[in-house]
Every structure is written in structure tokens, then in C-alpha cells.
C-alpha atoms as a PDB file:
ATOM      1  CA  MET A   1      16.906 -27.832   0.355  1.00  0.00           C
ATOM      2  CA  LYS A   2      15.706 -28.542   3.820  1.00  0.00           C
ATOM      3  CA  SER A   3      15.249 -25.519   6.134  1.00  0.00           C
ATOM      4  CA  ILE A   4      16.759 -25.106   9.222  1.00  0.00           C
ATOM      5  CA  TYR A   5      13.606 -26.350  11.148  1.00  0.00           C
ATOM      6  CA  ASN A   6      13.850 -29.643   9.674  1.00  0.00           C
ATOM      7  CA  LYS A   7      17.313 -29.962   9.586  1.00  0.00           C
ATOM      8  CA  LEU A   8      17.312 -29.269  13.113  1.00  0.00           C
ATOM      9  CA  ARG A   9      13.973 -32.123  13.502  1.00  0.00           C
ATOM     10  CA  ASP A  10      16.038 -35.080  11.627  1.00  0.00           C
ATOM     11  CA  ASP A  11      19.141 -33.784  13.008  1.00  0.00           C
ATOM     12  CA  PHE A  12      17.781 -34.614  16.862  1.00  0.00           C
ATOM     13  CA  GLU A  13      15.232 -37.066  16.266  1.00  0.00           C
ATOM     14  CA  PHE A  14      17.520 -39.688  17.948  1.00  0.00           C
ATOM     15  CA  ILE A  15      16.777 -38.203  21.155  1.00  0.00           C
ATOM     16  CA  SER A  16      13.202 -40.116  21.316  1.00  0.00           C
ATOM     17  CA  LYS A  17      14.965 -42.661  22.519  1.00  0.00           C
ATOM     18  CA  TYR A  18      15.316 -41.196  26.771  1.00  0.00           C
ATOM     19  CA  GLY A  19      11.380 -40.321  25.926  1.00  0.00           C
ATOM     20  CA  PHE A  20      11.960 -36.297  24.324  1.00  0.00           C
ATOM     21  CA  HIS A  21      10.086 -36.336  20.928  1.00  0.00           C
ATOM     22  CA  PHE A  22       9.513 -33.287  18.841  1.00  0.00           C
ATOM     23  CA  SER A  23       6.853 -30.949  20.007  1.00  0.00           C
ATOM     24  CA  TYR A  24       6.733 -27.450  18.346  1.00  0.00           C
ATOM     25  CA  VAL A  25       8.524 -24.985  15.970  1.00  0.00           C
ATOM     26  CA  GLU A  26       9.993 -22.130  17.865  1.00  0.00           C
ATOM     27  CA  HIS A  27      10.165 -19.305  15.046  1.00  0.00           C
ATOM     28  CA  HIS A  28      12.143 -16.853  14.563  1.00  0.00           C
ATOM     29  CA  TYR A  29      14.517 -14.745  12.055  1.00  0.00           C
ATOM     30  CA  VAL A  30      17.825 -14.900  14.040  1.00  0.00           C
ATOM     31  CA  MET A  31      17.556 -17.286  16.214  1.00  0.00           C
ATOM     32  CA  PRO A  32      15.159 -20.381  14.852  1.00  0.00           C
ATOM     33  CA  SER A  33      14.744 -23.235  17.204  1.00  0.00           C
ATOM     34  CA  VAL A  34      12.476 -26.045  17.659  1.00  0.00           C
ATOM     35  CA  VAL A  35      11.685 -28.175  21.438  1.00  0.00           C
ATOM     36  CA  PHE A  36      11.479 -31.412  21.854  1.00  0.00           C
ATOM     37  CA  SER A  37       9.399 -32.754  25.211  1.00  0.00           C
ATOM     38  CA  ASP A  38       8.998 -35.709  27.132  1.00  0.00           C
ATOM     39  CA  GLY A  39       5.865 -34.088  28.562  1.00  0.00           C
ATOM     40  CA  THR A  40       7.209 -32.480  31.701  1.00  0.00           C
ATOM     41  CA  GLN A  41      11.269 -31.327  30.493  1.00  0.00           C
ATOM     42  CA  ARG A  42      11.558 -29.882  27.432  1.00  0.00           C
ATOM     43  CA  LEU A  43      14.990 -29.607  25.151  1.00  0.00           C
ATOM     44  CA  GLN A  44      15.241 -26.751  22.859  1.00  0.00           C
ATOM     45  CA  ILE A  45      17.280 -26.319  20.350  1.00  0.00           C
ATOM     46  CA  GLY A  46      19.099 -23.961  17.404  1.00  0.00           C
ATOM     47  CA  MET A  47      21.057 -21.658  15.486  1.00  0.00           C
ATOM     48  CA  HIS A  48      22.151 -17.639  16.326  1.00  0.00           C
ATOM     49  CA  PHE A  49      23.118 -16.649  12.894  1.00  0.00           C
ATOM     50  CA  ASP A  50      24.023 -13.708  14.044  1.00  0.00           C
ATOM     51  CA  ASP A  51      26.426 -14.955  17.142  1.00  0.00           C
ATOM     52  CA  GLY A  52      27.176 -17.934  14.504  1.00  0.00           C
ATOM     53  CA  ARG A  53      26.808 -20.791  16.782  1.00  0.00           C
ATOM     54  CA  MET A  54      23.805 -23.109  18.222  1.00  0.00           C
ATOM     55  CA  PHE A  55      22.169 -23.376  21.210  1.00  0.00           C
ATOM     56  CA  VAL A  56      20.424 -26.058  22.753  1.00  0.00           C
ATOM     57  CA  LEU A  57      18.380 -25.125  26.299  1.00  0.00           C
ATOM     58  CA  PHE A  58      17.157 -27.392  29.026  1.00  0.00           C
ATOM     59  CA  TYR A  59      13.620 -26.627  30.330  1.00  0.00           C
ATOM     60  CA  GLU A  60      13.923 -29.235  33.762  1.00  0.00           C
ATOM     61  CA  PHE A  61       9.935 -28.342  35.027  1.00  0.00           C
ATOM     62  CA  LYS A  62       7.001 -27.053  32.087  1.00  0.00           C
ATOM     63  CA  GLU A  63       6.586 -23.425  34.333  1.00  0.00           C
ATOM     64  CA  GLN A  64       9.780 -22.472  33.238  1.00  0.00           C
ATOM     65  CA  ILE A  65      10.216 -19.473  31.455  1.00  0.00           C
ATOM     66  CA  ARG A  66      14.052 -19.682  31.202  1.00  0.00           C
ATOM     67  CA  GLY A  67      16.307 -22.600  30.234  1.00  0.00           C
ATOM     68  CA  GLU A  68      19.589 -23.578  30.892  1.00  0.00           C
ATOM     69  CA  SER A  69      22.201 -24.060  28.533  1.00  0.00           C
ATOM     70  CA  ILE A  70      23.776 -27.346  28.103  1.00  0.00           C
ATOM     71  CA  ILE A  71      26.709 -26.621  25.538  1.00  0.00           C
ATOM     72  CA  GLY A  72      27.825 -23.506  28.041  1.00  0.00           C
ATOM     73  CA  ASN A  73      30.789 -21.595  25.439  1.00  0.00           C
ATOM     74  CA  ILE A  74      31.991 -24.394  23.625  1.00  0.00           C
ATOM     75  CA  LYS A  75      34.371 -23.038  21.195  1.00  0.00           C
ATOM     76  CA  PHE A  76      33.254 -23.881  17.772  1.00  0.00           C
ATOM     77  CA  LEU A  77      36.102 -23.480  14.528  1.00  0.00           C
ATOM     78  CA  SER A  78      33.723 -22.344  12.204  1.00  0.00           C
ATOM     79  CA  ARG A  79      30.093 -20.250  12.484  1.00  0.00           C
ATOM     80  CA  LYS A  80      28.231 -23.255  10.065  1.00  0.00           C
ATOM     81  CA  TYR A  81      25.325 -25.180  11.268  1.00  0.00           C
ATOM     82  CA  ASN A  82      26.980 -28.592   9.256  1.00  0.00           C
ATOM     83  CA  ASP A  83      29.987 -27.752  10.697  1.00  0.00           C
ATOM     84  CA  GLN A  84      29.323 -27.751  14.395  1.00  0.00           C
ATOM     85  CA  VAL A  85      26.184 -30.345  14.405  1.00  0.00           C
ATOM     86  CA  GLN A  86      27.763 -33.554  15.239  1.00  0.00           C
ATOM     87  CA  THR A  87      29.504 -31.939  18.390  1.00  0.00           C
ATOM     88  CA  VAL A  88      26.464 -30.787  19.668  1.00  0.00           C
ATOM     89  CA  ARG A  89      24.189 -33.798  19.339  1.00  0.00           C
ATOM     90  CA  GLU A  90      27.101 -35.309  21.006  1.00  0.00           C
ATOM     91  CA  ILE A  91      26.954 -33.385  24.360  1.00  0.00           C
ATOM     92  CA  VAL A  92      23.262 -33.867  24.217  1.00  0.00           C
ATOM     93  CA  ASP A  93      23.733 -37.134  23.744  1.00  0.00           C
ATOM     94  CA  GLN A  94      26.259 -37.267  26.932  1.00  0.00           C
ATOM     95  CA  PHE A  95      23.658 -34.771  28.608  1.00  0.00           C
ATOM     96  CA  LEU A  96      20.915 -36.980  28.660  1.00  0.00           C
ATOM     97  CA  GLN A  97      22.469 -40.136  29.618  1.00  0.00           C
ATOM     98  CA  SER A  98      23.566 -37.995  32.931  1.00  0.00           C
ATOM     99  CA  ILE A  99      19.913 -36.881  34.089  1.00  0.00           C
END
């Protein structure tokens, strides 16, 4: 069984076509996530288990402490990662095409 960190890294590895590469893991019991970076900008992608929803934060500058959510208040039909990941992948892909 894959860890959530490996799932996130593998499921979002496609963003390498935009110059973002896996950088590091943010270990957290409730909100595990991984960070992809292009050297300046970062995307933090994770799963908030208490809320039952994925999150994606975009950091435009290296020094930026708080990321901006790129999925907003999207409503998911399920609280399960596997039911949300494809929608989030599509949102991330569209976002990266626009920047």
C-alpha cells in the first residue's frame, strides 16, 4: 500500500512539464502534503483528513509564507482522496497553463 506522500508525488508528477519538480514532503498527521518547486514558485499539494478534502497552495515567491489556494471552495462529492484526485489534477493543470 502506497503512503499518501507517494500517492501525491506520483499523481502530480505530470506538473514536471511546467518546470515543477518534487522538492520535499511536509510531514503532518492531519494534513500530509508534498511540495513541488520550479526554483522560485512552489505548489503544496495535500490531503486534509479532518476536513476530508484535498488542498493546493501556490507560493509565487520564495519568501512567501502563506500560499494561495487554487482550488478554493470546490465541493467534492466524497471525502476520499481517490474520488478527489482527478478533479484536483485537472484544476492544477489548468492553473499551470494560465501562469
